[in-house]
Protein backbone atom coordinates (compact mmCIF):
# COMPACT_ATOMS: atom_id res chain seq x y z
CA UNK A 1 15.04 -6.68 -2.12
CA UNK A 2 13.07 -7.72 0.96
CA UNK A 3 11.07 -10.86 0.25
CA UNK A 4 10.13 -11.88 3.79
CA UNK A 5 9.52 -9.98 7.01
CA UNK A 6 9.22 -11.79 10.36
CA UNK A 7 7.35 -10.11 13.23
CA UNK A 8 9.21 -10.48 16.54
CA UNK A 9 7.56 -9.17 19.73
CA UNK A 10 9.69 -6.51 21.43
CA UNK A 11 9.18 -8.13 24.83
CA UNK A 12 10.42 -11.59 23.78
CA UNK A 13 14.10 -11.88 24.75
CA UNK A 14 14.24 -15.47 23.51
CA UNK A 15 13.27 -14.43 19.98
CA UNK A 16 15.20 -11.15 19.90
CA UNK A 17 18.48 -12.83 20.90
CA UNK A 18 18.44 -15.16 17.90
CA UNK A 19 17.14 -12.88 15.12
CA UNK A 20 20.25 -13.57 13.04
CA UNK A 21 19.26 -17.24 12.82
CA UNK A 22 15.93 -16.67 11.07
CA UNK A 23 15.53 -17.26 7.34
CA UNK A 24 13.61 -14.02 6.86
CA UNK A 25 15.27 -11.19 4.92
CA UNK A 26 14.20 -8.78 7.66
CA UNK A 27 12.71 -8.77 11.13
CA UNK A 28 9.95 -6.44 12.32
CA UNK A 29 10.54 -5.78 15.99
CA UNK A 30 7.08 -5.01 17.28
CA UNK A 31 6.58 -2.36 19.94
CA UNK A 32 2.84 -2.08 19.32
CA UNK A 33 0.15 -4.81 19.45
CA UNK A 34 2.20 -7.64 20.94
CA UNK A 35 3.54 -5.50 23.80
CA UNK A 36 1.05 -4.67 26.59
CA UNK A 37 1.09 -1.08 27.89
CA UNK A 38 2.72 -2.06 31.18
CA UNK A 39 5.58 -3.74 29.31
CA UNK A 40 6.38 -1.13 26.69
CA UNK A 41 9.21 0.60 28.56
CA UNK A 42 10.77 -2.73 29.47
CA UNK A 43 10.49 -3.84 25.82
CA UNK A 44 12.22 -0.67 24.58
CA UNK A 45 15.16 -1.20 26.93
CA UNK A 46 15.32 -4.92 26.06
CA UNK A 47 15.44 -4.25 22.31
CA UNK A 48 18.01 -1.54 22.72
CA UNK A 49 20.24 -3.67 24.94
CA UNK A 50 20.21 -6.74 22.73
CA UNK A 51 20.69 -4.99 19.41
CA UNK A 52 23.34 -2.55 20.57
CA UNK A 53 25.47 -5.50 21.58
CA UNK A 54 25.42 -6.97 18.09
CA UNK A 55 28.57 -6.13 16.13
CA UNK A 56 26.82 -6.50 12.79
CA UNK A 57 23.29 -6.95 11.55
CA UNK A 58 22.64 -9.92 9.28
CA UNK A 59 19.02 -8.98 8.72
CA UNK A 60 17.40 -5.65 7.95
CA UNK A 61 15.93 -4.29 11.15
CA UNK A 62 12.43 -2.83 10.98
CA UNK A 63 10.81 -1.48 14.14
CA UNK A 64 7.05 -1.13 14.35
CA UNK A 65 6.31 1.81 16.63
CA UNK A 66 2.98 2.75 18.16
CA UNK A 67 0.61 4.98 16.23
CA UNK A 68 0.70 8.79 16.33
CA UNK A 69 -2.55 8.92 18.34
CA UNK A 70 -0.89 7.25 21.32
CA UNK A 71 1.41 8.52 24.05
CA UNK A 72 4.02 5.90 23.16
CA UNK A 73 5.43 6.64 19.70
CA UNK A 74 7.86 9.42 20.54
CA UNK A 75 9.30 7.42 23.41
CA UNK A 76 9.59 4.43 21.06
CA UNK A 77 11.79 6.49 18.71
CA UNK A 78 13.92 7.94 21.51
CA UNK A 79 14.85 4.48 22.78
CA UNK A 80 15.03 2.68 19.45
CA UNK A 81 16.95 5.12 17.22
CA UNK A 82 20.31 4.52 18.97
CA UNK A 83 20.33 0.97 17.53
CA UNK A 84 20.17 2.49 14.05
CA UNK A 85 17.15 0.63 12.64
CA UNK A 86 16.99 0.44 8.86
CA UNK A 87 13.24 1.15 8.70
CA UNK A 88 10.57 2.53 11.03
CA UNK A 89 7.11 1.01 10.50
CA UNK A 90 4.31 3.27 11.69
CA UNK A 91 1.22 1.49 12.96
CA UNK A 92 -2.16 2.76 11.74
CA UNK A 93 -0.81 5.06 9.03
CA UNK A 94 -3.81 7.03 7.80
CA UNK A 95 -2.57 10.32 6.35
CA UNK A 96 0.21 12.16 4.59
CA UNK A 97 0.50 14.67 7.41
CA UNK A 98 1.21 11.78 9.78
CA UNK A 99 4.13 10.74 7.60
CA UNK A 100 5.50 14.26 7.62
CA UNK A 101 5.25 14.48 11.40
CA UNK A 102 7.04 11.18 11.81
CA UNK A 103 9.78 12.16 9.39
CA UNK A 104 10.50 15.33 11.34
CA UNK A 105 10.82 13.40 14.57
CA UNK A 106 13.06 10.78 12.99
CA UNK A 107 15.35 13.52 11.66
CA UNK A 108 15.58 14.95 15.17
CA UNK A 109 16.54 11.56 16.62
CA UNK A 110 19.05 10.95 13.77
CA UNK A 111 20.73 14.17 14.80
CA UNK A 112 20.74 13.14 18.47
CA UNK A 113 22.39 9.78 17.62
CA UNK A 114 24.99 10.72 15.00
CA UNK A 115 22.98 9.04 12.22
CA UNK A 116 23.04 10.43 8.67
CA UNK A 117 19.91 12.48 8.30
CA UNK A 118 17.51 10.88 5.87
CA UNK A 119 19.06 7.40 6.06
CA UNK A 120 16.29 5.89 8.23
CA UNK A 121 13.40 4.85 5.99
CA UNK A 122 9.67 4.72 6.74
CA UNK A 123 7.29 1.88 5.97
CA UNK A 124 3.69 2.94 6.57
CA UNK A 125 1.37 0.22 7.82
CA UNK A 126 -2.02 0.72 6.19
CA UNK A 127 -4.63 -1.05 8.30
CA UNK A 128 -7.80 1.04 8.04
CA UNK A 129 -10.30 2.05 5.37
CA UNK A 130 -8.99 5.61 5.54
CA UNK A 131 -5.42 4.48 5.16
CA UNK A 132 -6.23 2.44 2.06
CA UNK A 133 -8.20 5.29 0.48
CA UNK A 134 -5.24 7.67 1.18
CA UNK A 135 -2.67 5.15 -0.06
CA UNK A 136 -1.09 7.28 -2.83
CA UNK A 137 -1.02 10.40 -0.67
CA UNK A 138 0.76 8.46 2.02
CA UNK A 139 3.14 6.87 -0.47
CA UNK A 140 4.23 10.26 -1.82
CA UNK A 141 4.23 12.19 1.48
CA UNK A 142 7.95 12.03 2.22
CA UNK A 143 11.20 10.88 0.59
CA UNK A 144 11.90 8.46 3.45
CA UNK A 145 8.95 6.27 2.48
CA UNK A 146 10.28 3.08 0.86
CA UNK A 147 7.10 1.05 0.57
CA UNK A 148 3.55 0.43 1.74
CA UNK A 149 2.53 -2.46 3.98
CA UNK A 150 -0.95 -3.95 4.24
CA UNK A 151 -2.31 -4.88 7.71
CA UNK A 152 -5.36 -7.01 6.94
CA UNK A 153 -6.50 -7.91 10.46
CA UNK A 154 -7.22 -4.37 11.63
CA UNK A 155 -8.37 -3.41 8.11
CA UNK A 156 -11.08 -6.04 7.98
CA UNK A 157 -12.13 -5.18 11.50
CA UNK A 158 -12.48 -1.54 10.39
CA UNK A 159 -14.66 -2.72 7.49
CA UNK A 160 -16.80 -4.90 9.79
CA UNK A 161 -15.77 -7.76 7.49
CA UNK A 162 -14.96 -11.37 8.29
CA UNK A 163 -11.27 -12.25 7.82
CA UNK A 164 -10.89 -15.51 5.88
CA UNK A 165 -8.00 -17.59 4.56
CA UNK A 166 -9.39 -17.13 1.02
CA UNK A 167 -8.83 -13.36 1.49
CA UNK A 168 -11.50 -12.25 -1.00
CA UNK A 169 -12.42 -9.53 1.49
CA UNK A 170 -9.01 -7.82 1.11
CA UNK A 171 -8.70 -8.03 -2.69
CA UNK A 172 -9.57 -4.35 -3.18
CA UNK A 173 -7.13 -3.25 -0.47
CA UNK A 174 -4.36 -5.35 -1.94
CA UNK A 175 -4.78 -3.98 -5.46
CA UNK A 176 -5.30 -0.39 -4.27
CA UNK A 177 -2.13 -0.56 -2.18
CA UNK A 178 -0.03 -2.09 -4.94
CA UNK A 179 -1.23 0.48 -7.49
CA UNK A 180 -0.44 3.37 -5.12
CA UNK A 181 3.00 2.00 -4.30
CA UNK A 182 3.98 1.36 -7.90
CA UNK A 183 2.63 4.74 -9.00
CA UNK A 184 4.87 6.30 -6.35
CA UNK A 185 7.88 4.20 -7.40
CA UNK A 186 8.15 2.33 -4.09
CA UNK A 187 7.63 -1.26 -2.88
CA UNK A 188 4.49 -3.08 -1.71
CA UNK A 189 4.41 -5.66 1.11
CA UNK A 190 1.62 -8.10 1.82
CA UNK A 191 -0.14 -8.98 5.05
CA UNK A 192 0.75 -12.19 6.94
CA UNK A 193 -1.03 -15.47 6.33
CA UNK A 194 -2.19 -16.29 9.83
CA UNK A 195 -2.63 -20.09 9.73
CA UNK A 196 0.79 -21.21 10.91
CA UNK A 197 0.21 -24.89 10.13
CA UNK A 198 -1.19 -24.49 6.58
CA UNK A 199 1.99 -24.33 4.49
CA UNK A 200 0.12 -25.08 1.28
CA UNK A 201 -2.27 -22.21 1.98
CA UNK A 202 0.67 -19.91 2.75
CA UNK A 203 2.40 -20.71 -0.53
CA UNK A 204 -0.80 -20.15 -2.52
CA UNK A 205 -1.46 -16.86 -0.73
CA UNK A 206 2.11 -15.66 -1.28
CA UNK A 207 2.02 -16.64 -4.95
CA UNK A 208 -1.25 -14.72 -5.41
CA UNK A 209 0.32 -11.66 -3.73
CA UNK A 210 3.32 -11.91 -6.05
CA UNK A 211 0.99 -12.10 -9.07
CA UNK A 212 -0.73 -8.94 -7.87
CA UNK A 213 2.62 -7.13 -7.84
CA UNK A 214 3.73 -7.29 -4.18
CA UNK A 215 7.47 -7.24 -3.51
CA UNK A 216 7.30 -9.53 -0.49
CA UNK A 217 5.20 -10.72 2.42
CA UNK A 218 5.26 -10.62 6.22
CA UNK A 219 4.76 -13.48 8.62
CA UNK A 220 4.40 -14.24 12.32
CA UNK A 221 6.02 -17.65 11.93
CA UNK A 222 9.76 -18.36 11.48
CA UNK A 223 8.78 -21.49 9.57
CA UNK A 224 6.96 -19.45 6.95
CA UNK A 225 9.92 -17.29 5.97
CA UNK A 226 11.77 -19.79 3.82
CA UNK A 227 8.59 -20.61 1.87
CA UNK A 228 7.92 -16.90 1.28
CA UNK A 229 11.51 -16.44 0.07
CA UNK A 230 11.06 -19.26 -2.39
CA UNK A 231 7.86 -17.78 -3.84
CA UNK A 232 9.41 -14.31 -4.27
CA UNK A 233 12.68 -15.57 -5.74
CA UNK A 234 12.77 -15.86 -9.55
CA UNK A 235 12.86 -19.48 -10.63
CA UNK A 236 15.55 -20.90 -12.95
CA UNK A 237 12.93 -21.12 -15.72
CA UNK A 238 11.88 -17.48 -15.22
CA UNK A 239 15.49 -16.30 -15.29
CA UNK A 240 16.30 -18.32 -18.40
CA UNK A 241 13.27 -16.96 -20.26
CA UNK A 242 14.12 -13.39 -19.18
CA UNK A 243 17.64 -13.81 -20.44
CA UNK A 244 16.34 -15.18 -23.76
CA UNK A 245 14.03 -12.16 -24.07
CA UNK A 246 16.88 -9.70 -23.55
CA UNK A 247 19.15 -11.62 -25.95
CA UNK A 248 16.44 -11.70 -28.63
CA UNK A 249 15.80 -7.97 -28.34
CA UNK A 250 19.52 -7.13 -28.49
CA UNK A 251 19.94 -9.35 -31.55
CA UNK A 252 16.93 -7.72 -33.16
CA UNK A 253 18.41 -4.28 -32.62
CA UNK A 254 21.74 -5.45 -34.08
CA UNK A 255 19.89 -6.61 -37.20
CA UNK A 256 17.83 -3.43 -37.39
CA UNK A 257 14.51 -5.16 -36.87
CA UNK A 258 11.52 -3.09 -35.81
CA UNK A 259 9.77 -6.04 -34.15
CA UNK A 260 11.22 -9.08 -32.46
CA UNK A 261 9.61 -12.44 -31.72
CA UNK A 262 10.63 -15.21 -29.35
CA UNK A 263 9.19 -18.70 -29.74
CA UNK A 264 6.45 -17.32 -31.94
CA UNK A 265 5.48 -14.47 -29.60
CA UNK A 266 6.06 -10.79 -30.32
CA UNK A 267 8.09 -9.06 -27.62
CA UNK A 268 6.63 -5.71 -26.65
CA UNK A 269 8.09 -3.13 -24.27
CA UNK A 270 6.25 -4.32 -21.11
CA UNK A 271 7.55 -7.85 -21.67
CA UNK A 272 11.07 -6.57 -22.05
CA UNK A 273 10.80 -4.42 -18.89
CA UNK A 274 9.41 -7.42 -16.98
CA UNK A 275 12.37 -9.51 -18.12
CA UNK A 276 14.79 -6.83 -17.00
CA UNK A 277 13.13 -6.74 -13.56
CA UNK A 278 13.40 -10.52 -13.21
CA UNK A 279 17.10 -10.37 -13.95
CA UNK A 280 17.64 -7.41 -11.64
CA UNK A 281 15.86 -9.22 -8.78
CA UNK A 282 17.85 -12.38 -9.39
CA UNK A 283 21.13 -10.44 -9.31
CA UNK A 284 20.17 -8.60 -6.12
CA UNK A 285 19.34 -11.89 -4.45
CA UNK A 286 22.57 -13.48 -5.64
CA UNK A 287 20.81 -16.06 -7.76
CA UNK A 288 22.87 -14.94 -10.79
CA UNK A 289 25.92 -12.72 -11.09
């Protein structure tokens, strides 16, 4: 389970060299927006050099490559695939055919680098009106796709909308993306909260995203990662209640009861499934065994 994702510019040696020290569950090494055109080749070589020298990866490695309408993306893959990234994030993902094209190229590079074909996953970055409207088609385009990621800055620019901390302008995009991801049986990841100094605002935004159904959230700030992790980790109270739900249902089955109540509230199937998910998440995160 990936709760937090930290963007790290691909041309920042100081940040790349210490990625194992960050609290984030994963790092997104950015080869796109934060790397100027005249530094892209240097960034590719820098990322490859630093990560190939690491004996083990303590964080999931996601690499954001340039969009398919640029001259950069294939070169990105050629230089990055030797470090065996866990996930490739495609900037400006707008269509299912784009996912298919990317998957074919990844398979080619897996073959060139002795990587098990199909092991490299894809995380489409939906950051346009077209991408959001095509969300389910993108989510189901290829078996490599493990989730959908919302990019609110470019999305609101595409809408000619004002980006605000309250984020009312991206409510539709958030819910559309979550619905598409869940319908496809994959994960949903929320856009960064861009005010680095507003920790209270970050926590509230992350909690709202969790309530909408997002799996986790990205950030540009190392300081945000631990707060995001806390929000997306089941609390002791949530775990205890989930365990009580499961216990009550199992006891009801043992007694042959058709309906089961806990603390005066009938337990229906969605409540039981939600409890199972809480326990599964807690086990994956090591909160319980």
